[in-house]
């Protein structure tokens, strides 16, 4: 069911990218709009590249993403990696993130602050311990999934407005961001064990990343 949800979210994001959002000229900024004469971006071409660490998506995770609704909605597709030394076994993760940024604040001519981003993620982990031993445990041995996680995200970012790409004229931005998150397993454990269980701080994950528009 969760794998089906993951596939549905992925197809929905690509479908949204294929349908351009209407442009609201009352709020668009010069930094976000390509100059006149700039070739139209193909619908399948990602808007940005992402590199991050932590957040439950891998010690290192990299990927690409799309932006909609005047860049207020974003979808990132990431592939993460955790070495055996830190994961008990070598882990690879495939993740999908959805983020919404309601507003941006200009800081001078070359910087923007996005004070609030909210969203959610879904991840699938391959290579968990004993993952290859099919039938070792009955299907109801664990009450939670050992390879899929989903949960909320909250963060902010600082963006540097770099000169446009010379070859295409497309705006170029480089952002650094942080995200606080949690997941279904942490939240369920907290709700079921509020007396002596996980502290609130133990529910949270921290991700630090860089995002480059091109």
C-alpha atoms as a PDB file:
ATOM      1  CA  UNK A   1       0.000   0.000   0.000  1.00  0.00           C
ATOM      2  CA  UNK A   2       2.809   2.409   0.895  1.00  0.00           C
ATOM      3  CA  UNK A   3       4.694   1.555  -2.269  1.00  0.00           C
ATOM      4  CA  UNK A   4       1.503   2.299  -4.239  1.00  0.00           C
ATOM      5  CA  UNK A   5       1.205   5.641  -2.400  1.00  0.00           C
ATOM      6  CA  UNK A   6       4.833   6.452  -3.253  1.00  0.00           C
ATOM      7  CA  UNK A   7       4.199   5.713  -6.958  1.00  0.00           C
ATOM      8  CA  UNK A   8       0.990   7.759  -6.922  1.00  0.00           C
ATOM      9  CA  UNK A   9       2.750  10.790  -5.390  1.00  0.00           C
ATOM     10  CA  UNK A  10       5.552  10.530  -7.947  1.00  0.00           C
ATOM     11  CA  UNK A  11       3.146  10.398 -10.904  1.00  0.00           C
ATOM     12  CA  UNK A  12       1.130  13.267  -9.454  1.00  0.00           C
ATOM     13  CA  UNK A  13       4.231  15.447  -9.191  1.00  0.00           C
ATOM     14  CA  UNK A  14       5.273  14.741 -12.781  1.00  0.00           C
ATOM     15  CA  UNK A  15       1.726  15.396 -13.951  1.00  0.00           C
ATOM     16  CA  UNK A  16       1.700  18.728 -12.156  1.00  0.00           C
ATOM     17  CA  UNK A  17       4.993  19.632 -13.808  1.00  0.00           C
ATOM     18  CA  UNK A  18       3.448  18.903 -17.216  1.00  0.00           C
ATOM     19  CA  UNK A  19       0.670  21.429 -16.488  1.00  0.00           C
ATOM     20  CA  UNK A  20       2.211  24.902 -15.986  1.00  0.00           C
ATOM     21  CA  UNK A  21       0.686  26.926 -13.155  1.00  0.00           C
ATOM     22  CA  UNK A  22      -0.946  30.245 -14.129  1.00  0.00           C
ATOM     23  CA  UNK A  23       1.367  33.237 -13.654  1.00  0.00           C
ATOM     24  CA  UNK A  24       0.303  35.815 -11.100  1.00  0.00           C
ATOM     25  CA  UNK A  25       2.078  38.972 -12.255  1.00  0.00           C
ATOM     26  CA  UNK A  26       1.116  40.807  -9.093  1.00  0.00           C
ATOM     27  CA  UNK A  27       3.606  38.842  -6.991  1.00  0.00           C
ATOM     28  CA  UNK A  28       6.237  37.507  -9.429  1.00  0.00           C
ATOM     29  CA  UNK A  29       9.741  38.924  -8.903  1.00  0.00           C
ATOM     30  CA  UNK A  30      12.457  39.671 -11.436  1.00  0.00           C
ATOM     31  CA  UNK A  31      14.714  37.105  -9.772  1.00  0.00           C
ATOM     32  CA  UNK A  32      12.200  34.308 -10.345  1.00  0.00           C
ATOM     33  CA  UNK A  33      11.149  35.116 -13.910  1.00  0.00           C
ATOM     34  CA  UNK A  34      13.390  34.287 -16.888  1.00  0.00           C
ATOM     35  CA  UNK A  35      14.253  37.207 -19.169  1.00  0.00           C
ATOM     36  CA  UNK A  36      12.281  37.792 -22.364  1.00  0.00           C
ATOM     37  CA  UNK A  37      13.337  35.464 -25.162  1.00  0.00           C
ATOM     38  CA  UNK A  38      14.498  32.697 -22.824  1.00  0.00           C
ATOM     39  CA  UNK A  39      13.703  29.257 -24.305  1.00  0.00           C
ATOM     40  CA  UNK A  40      10.832  27.518 -22.498  1.00  0.00           C
ATOM     41  CA  UNK A  41      11.975  24.787 -20.121  1.00  0.00           C
ATOM     42  CA  UNK A  42      10.944  21.264 -21.104  1.00  0.00           C
ATOM     43  CA  UNK A  43       8.385  19.828 -18.689  1.00  0.00           C
ATOM     44  CA  UNK A  44      10.556  16.844 -17.835  1.00  0.00           C
ATOM     45  CA  UNK A  45      13.687  18.859 -17.104  1.00  0.00           C
ATOM     46  CA  UNK A  46      14.288  19.308 -13.335  1.00  0.00           C
ATOM     47  CA  UNK A  47      14.430  22.834 -11.993  1.00  0.00           C
ATOM     48  CA  UNK A  48      17.109  22.230  -9.400  1.00  0.00           C
ATOM     49  CA  UNK A  49      19.659  19.794  -7.979  1.00  0.00           C
ATOM     50  CA  UNK A  50      19.789  18.878  -4.286  1.00  0.00           C
ATOM     51  CA  UNK A  51      22.476  17.569  -1.940  1.00  0.00           C
ATOM     52  CA  UNK A  52      21.700  17.007   1.722  1.00  0.00           C
ATOM     53  CA  UNK A  53      22.757  15.082   4.787  1.00  0.00           C
ATOM     54  CA  UNK A  54      20.581  13.690   7.572  1.00  0.00           C
ATOM     55  CA  UNK A  55      16.850  13.997   7.922  1.00  0.00           C
ATOM     56  CA  UNK A  56      16.367  10.237   7.914  1.00  0.00           C
ATOM     57  CA  UNK A  57      16.984  10.175   4.150  1.00  0.00           C
ATOM     58  CA  UNK A  58      20.593   8.994   4.237  1.00  0.00           C
ATOM     59  CA  UNK A  59      23.963  10.107   5.511  1.00  0.00           C
ATOM     60  CA  UNK A  60      24.299  11.602   2.047  1.00  0.00           C
ATOM     61  CA  UNK A  61      21.381  12.074  -0.335  1.00  0.00           C
ATOM     62  CA  UNK A  62      21.370  13.661  -3.778  1.00  0.00           C
ATOM     63  CA  UNK A  63      18.712  14.238  -6.363  1.00  0.00           C
ATOM     64  CA  UNK A  64      16.708  16.677  -8.434  1.00  0.00           C
ATOM     65  CA  UNK A  65      13.450  18.508  -8.140  1.00  0.00           C
ATOM     66  CA  UNK A  66      10.636  20.417  -9.811  1.00  0.00           C
ATOM     67  CA  UNK A  67       8.921  23.651  -8.848  1.00  0.00           C
ATOM     68  CA  UNK A  68       5.339  24.764  -9.424  1.00  0.00           C
ATOM     69  CA  UNK A  69       2.993  27.619  -8.586  1.00  0.00           C
ATOM     70  CA  UNK A  70       5.660  30.313  -8.993  1.00  0.00           C
ATOM     71  CA  UNK A  71       8.191  28.171  -7.130  1.00  0.00           C
ATOM     72  CA  UNK A  72       6.074  27.964  -3.988  1.00  0.00           C
ATOM     73  CA  UNK A  73       5.537  24.205  -4.374  1.00  0.00           C
ATOM     74  CA  UNK A  74       8.502  21.881  -4.795  1.00  0.00           C
ATOM     75  CA  UNK A  75       8.980  18.178  -5.311  1.00  0.00           C
ATOM     76  CA  UNK A  76      12.377  16.585  -4.744  1.00  0.00           C
ATOM     77  CA  UNK A  77      13.393  13.055  -5.687  1.00  0.00           C
ATOM     78  CA  UNK A  78      16.431  11.856  -3.706  1.00  0.00           C
ATOM     79  CA  UNK A  79      18.659   8.806  -3.564  1.00  0.00           C
ATOM     80  CA  UNK A  80      20.399   8.376  -0.217  1.00  0.00           C
ATOM     81  CA  UNK A  81      23.194   6.207   1.128  1.00  0.00           C
ATOM     82  CA  UNK A  82      24.240   5.014   4.587  1.00  0.00           C
ATOM     83  CA  UNK A  83      27.486   2.992   4.890  1.00  0.00           C
ATOM     84  CA  UNK A  84      27.459  -0.297   6.793  1.00  0.00           C
ATOM     85  CA  UNK A  85      29.625   1.202   9.514  1.00  0.00           C
ATOM     86  CA  UNK A  86      26.762   3.472  10.586  1.00  0.00           C
ATOM     87  CA  UNK A  87      23.669   1.550   9.488  1.00  0.00           C
ATOM     88  CA  UNK A  88      24.556  -2.005  10.560  1.00  0.00           C
ATOM     89  CA  UNK A  89      24.190  -2.900   6.899  1.00  0.00           C
ATOM     90  CA  UNK A  90      24.674  -0.864   3.740  1.00  0.00           C
ATOM     91  CA  UNK A  91      21.483   1.087   3.173  1.00  0.00           C
ATOM     92  CA  UNK A  92      20.177   2.797   0.058  1.00  0.00           C
ATOM     93  CA  UNK A  93      17.112   5.016   0.262  1.00  0.00           C
ATOM     94  CA  UNK A  94      14.716   6.398  -2.341  1.00  0.00           C
ATOM     95  CA  UNK A  95      12.768   9.424  -1.126  1.00  0.00           C
ATOM     96  CA  UNK A  96      10.149  11.842  -2.352  1.00  0.00           C
ATOM     97  CA  UNK A  97       9.624  15.238  -0.696  1.00  0.00           C
ATOM     98  CA  UNK A  98       6.871  17.814  -1.116  1.00  0.00           C
ATOM     99  CA  UNK A  99       7.489  21.326   0.226  1.00  0.00           C
ATOM    100  CA  UNK A 100       5.446  24.521   0.300  1.00  0.00           C
ATOM    101  CA  UNK A 101       6.997  27.970   0.795  1.00  0.00           C
ATOM    102  CA  UNK A 102       4.271  30.612   1.273  1.00  0.00           C
ATOM    103  CA  UNK A 103       6.531  33.667   0.917  1.00  0.00           C
ATOM    104  CA  UNK A 104      10.069  34.936   0.402  1.00  0.00           C
ATOM    105  CA  UNK A 105      11.782  37.996   1.828  1.00  0.00           C
ATOM    106  CA  UNK A 106      14.379  39.907  -0.251  1.00  0.00           C
ATOM    107  CA  UNK A 107      17.615  40.802   1.529  1.00  0.00           C
ATOM    108  CA  UNK A 108      19.415  43.289  -0.657  1.00  0.00           C
ATOM    109  CA  UNK A 109      19.756  42.584  -4.372  1.00  0.00           C
ATOM    110  CA  UNK A 110      21.420  39.196  -4.192  1.00  0.00           C
ATOM    111  CA  UNK A 111      19.783  37.302  -1.340  1.00  0.00           C
ATOM    112  CA  UNK A 112      16.380  35.981  -0.369  1.00  0.00           C
ATOM    113  CA  UNK A 113      15.207  34.424   2.870  1.00  0.00           C
ATOM    114  CA  UNK A 114      12.500  31.797   2.841  1.00  0.00           C
ATOM    115  CA  UNK A 115      11.565  31.857   6.525  1.00  0.00           C
ATOM    116  CA  UNK A 116       9.102  28.978   6.420  1.00  0.00           C
ATOM    117  CA  UNK A 117       8.853  25.784   4.404  1.00  0.00           C
ATOM    118  CA  UNK A 118       6.404  23.051   5.351  1.00  0.00           C
ATOM    119  CA  UNK A 119       5.862  19.688   3.745  1.00  0.00           C
ATOM    120  CA  UNK A 120       6.076  15.942   3.967  1.00  0.00           C
ATOM    121  CA  UNK A 121       8.228  13.090   2.740  1.00  0.00           C
ATOM    122  CA  UNK A 122       8.026   9.408   1.912  1.00  0.00           C
ATOM    123  CA  UNK A 123      11.066   7.123   1.848  1.00  0.00           C
ATOM    124  CA  UNK A 124      11.835   3.514   1.078  1.00  0.00           C
ATOM    125  CA  UNK A 125      14.972   1.844   2.455  1.00  0.00           C
ATOM    126  CA  UNK A 126      16.653  -1.106   0.809  1.00  0.00           C
ATOM    127  CA  UNK A 127      19.198  -3.220   2.659  1.00  0.00           C
ATOM    128  CA  UNK A 128      17.844  -3.236   6.208  1.00  0.00           C
ATOM    129  CA  UNK A 129      19.177  -5.996   8.471  1.00  0.00           C
ATOM    130  CA  UNK A 130      17.947  -9.467   7.457  1.00  0.00           C
ATOM    131  CA  UNK A 131      16.159  -7.862   4.533  1.00  0.00           C
ATOM    132  CA  UNK A 132      17.262 -10.729   2.323  1.00  0.00           C
ATOM    133  CA  UNK A 133      15.939 -13.513   4.589  1.00  0.00           C
ATOM    134  CA  UNK A 134      12.415 -13.900   3.305  1.00  0.00           C
ATOM    135  CA  UNK A 135      10.045 -15.690   5.623  1.00  0.00           C
ATOM    136  CA  UNK A 136      12.301 -15.341   8.646  1.00  0.00           C
ATOM    137  CA  UNK A 137       9.523 -13.605  10.518  1.00  0.00           C
ATOM    138  CA  UNK A 138       5.772 -13.806  10.161  1.00  0.00           C
ATOM    139  CA  UNK A 139       4.125 -10.866   8.421  1.00  0.00           C
ATOM    140  CA  UNK A 140       2.770  -9.494  11.703  1.00  0.00           C
ATOM    141  CA  UNK A 141       6.019  -9.871  13.702  1.00  0.00           C
ATOM    142  CA  UNK A 142       6.662  -6.127  13.485  1.00  0.00           C
ATOM    143  CA  UNK A 143       3.689  -3.813  13.875  1.00  0.00           C
ATOM    144  CA  UNK A 144       5.487  -1.198  11.788  1.00  0.00           C
ATOM    145  CA  UNK A 145       7.105  -1.260   8.397  1.00  0.00           C
ATOM    146  CA  UNK A 146      10.863  -1.743   8.542  1.00  0.00           C
ATOM    147  CA  UNK A 147      11.579  -0.222   5.146  1.00  0.00           C
ATOM    148  CA  UNK A 148       9.121   2.632   4.575  1.00  0.00           C
ATOM    149  CA  UNK A 149       8.830   5.902   6.498  1.00  0.00           C
ATOM    150  CA  UNK A 150       6.779   9.052   6.048  1.00  0.00           C
ATOM    151  CA  UNK A 151       6.358  12.180   8.075  1.00  0.00           C
ATOM    152  CA  UNK A 152       6.175  15.990   8.261  1.00  0.00           C
ATOM    153  CA  UNK A 153       8.928  18.516   7.506  1.00  0.00           C
ATOM    154  CA  UNK A 154       9.492  22.102   8.646  1.00  0.00           C
ATOM    155  CA  UNK A 155      12.393  24.370   7.752  1.00  0.00           C
ATOM    156  CA  UNK A 156      13.729  27.520   6.132  1.00  0.00           C
ATOM    157  CA  UNK A 157      16.440  28.555   3.695  1.00  0.00           C
ATOM    158  CA  UNK A 158      18.750  31.334   2.551  1.00  0.00           C
ATOM    159  CA  UNK A 159      19.074  31.891  -1.196  1.00  0.00           C
ATOM    160  CA  UNK A 160      21.827  33.577  -3.182  1.00  0.00           C
ATOM    161  CA  UNK A 161      20.631  35.022  -6.505  1.00  0.00           C
ATOM    162  CA  UNK A 162      23.452  34.223  -8.898  1.00  0.00           C
ATOM    163  CA  UNK A 163      23.783  35.659 -12.421  1.00  0.00           C
ATOM    164  CA  UNK A 164      21.582  33.874 -15.029  1.00  0.00           C
ATOM    165  CA  UNK A 165      22.925  30.835 -16.899  1.00  0.00           C
ATOM    166  CA  UNK A 166      24.815  32.254 -19.887  1.00  0.00           C
ATOM    167  CA  UNK A 167      23.725  29.526 -22.321  1.00  0.00           C
ATOM    168  CA  UNK A 168      19.988  29.605 -21.563  1.00  0.00           C
ATOM    169  CA  UNK A 169      19.310  32.857 -19.705  1.00  0.00           C
ATOM    170  CA  UNK A 170      17.505  30.908 -16.986  1.00  0.00           C
ATOM    171  CA  UNK A 171      17.607  32.414 -13.468  1.00  0.00           C
ATOM    172  CA  UNK A 172      20.070  30.687 -11.197  1.00  0.00           C
ATOM    173  CA  UNK A 173      19.817  30.403  -7.427  1.00  0.00           C
ATOM    174  CA  UNK A 174      21.882  28.655  -4.796  1.00  0.00           C
ATOM    175  CA  UNK A 175      20.180  27.941  -1.468  1.00  0.00           C
ATOM    176  CA  UNK A 176      21.281  26.468   1.828  1.00  0.00           C
ATOM    177  CA  UNK A 177      18.549  25.046   4.018  1.00  0.00           C
ATOM    178  CA  UNK A 178      17.713  23.115   7.120  1.00  0.00           C
ATOM    179  CA  UNK A 179      14.711  20.902   7.776  1.00  0.00           C
ATOM    180  CA  UNK A 180      13.346  19.488  11.007  1.00  0.00           C
ATOM    181  CA  UNK A 181      11.289  16.347  10.535  1.00  0.00           C
ATOM    182  CA  UNK A 182       9.808  13.305  12.163  1.00  0.00           C
ATOM    183  CA  UNK A 183       8.286  10.058  10.958  1.00  0.00           C
ATOM    184  CA  UNK A 184       5.370   7.731  11.507  1.00  0.00           C
ATOM    185  CA  UNK A 185       7.345   5.344  13.731  1.00  0.00           C
ATOM    186  CA  UNK A 186       8.700   8.046  16.044  1.00  0.00           C
ATOM    187  CA  UNK A 187       5.286   9.702  16.393  1.00  0.00           C
ATOM    188  CA  UNK A 188       3.471   6.414  17.022  1.00  0.00           C
ATOM    189  CA  UNK A 189       6.050   5.410  19.640  1.00  0.00           C
ATOM    190  CA  UNK A 190       5.690   8.782  21.349  1.00  0.00           C
ATOM    191  CA  UNK A 191       1.889   8.685  21.382  1.00  0.00           C
ATOM    192  CA  UNK A 192       1.832   5.146  22.802  1.00  0.00           C
ATOM    193  CA  UNK A 193       4.528   5.751  25.441  1.00  0.00           C
ATOM    194  CA  UNK A 194       4.116   9.283  26.747  1.00  0.00           C
ATOM    195  CA  UNK A 195       5.013   8.186  30.284  1.00  0.00           C
ATOM    196  CA  UNK A 196       8.712   7.445  30.211  1.00  0.00           C
ATOM    197  CA  UNK A 197       8.891   6.999  26.451  1.00  0.00           C
ATOM    198  CA  UNK A 198      10.592   9.175  23.882  1.00  0.00           C
ATOM    199  CA  UNK A 199      11.240  12.804  24.768  1.00  0.00           C
ATOM    200  CA  UNK A 200      10.011  15.446  22.347  1.00  0.00           C
ATOM    201  CA  UNK A 201      13.530  16.162  21.146  1.00  0.00           C
ATOM    202  CA  UNK A 202      13.991  12.501  20.260  1.00  0.00           C
ATOM    203  CA  UNK A 203      11.137  12.727  17.774  1.00  0.00           C
ATOM    204  CA  UNK A 204      13.008  15.120  15.519  1.00  0.00           C
ATOM    205  CA  UNK A 205      15.491  14.668  12.709  1.00  0.00           C
ATOM    206  CA  UNK A 206      17.679  17.405  11.254  1.00  0.00           C
ATOM    207  CA  UNK A 207      18.668  17.753   7.613  1.00  0.00           C
ATOM    208  CA  UNK A 208      21.149  20.249   6.164  1.00  0.00           C
ATOM    209  CA  UNK A 209      21.330  20.765   2.454  1.00  0.00           C
ATOM    210  CA  UNK A 210      22.208  22.764  -0.627  1.00  0.00           C
ATOM    211  CA  UNK A 211      19.867  23.354  -3.533  1.00  0.00           C
ATOM    212  CA  UNK A 212      21.004  24.814  -6.856  1.00  0.00           C
ATOM    213  CA  UNK A 213      18.576  26.048  -9.508  1.00  0.00           C
ATOM    214  CA  UNK A 214      19.767  25.968 -13.094  1.00  0.00           C
END
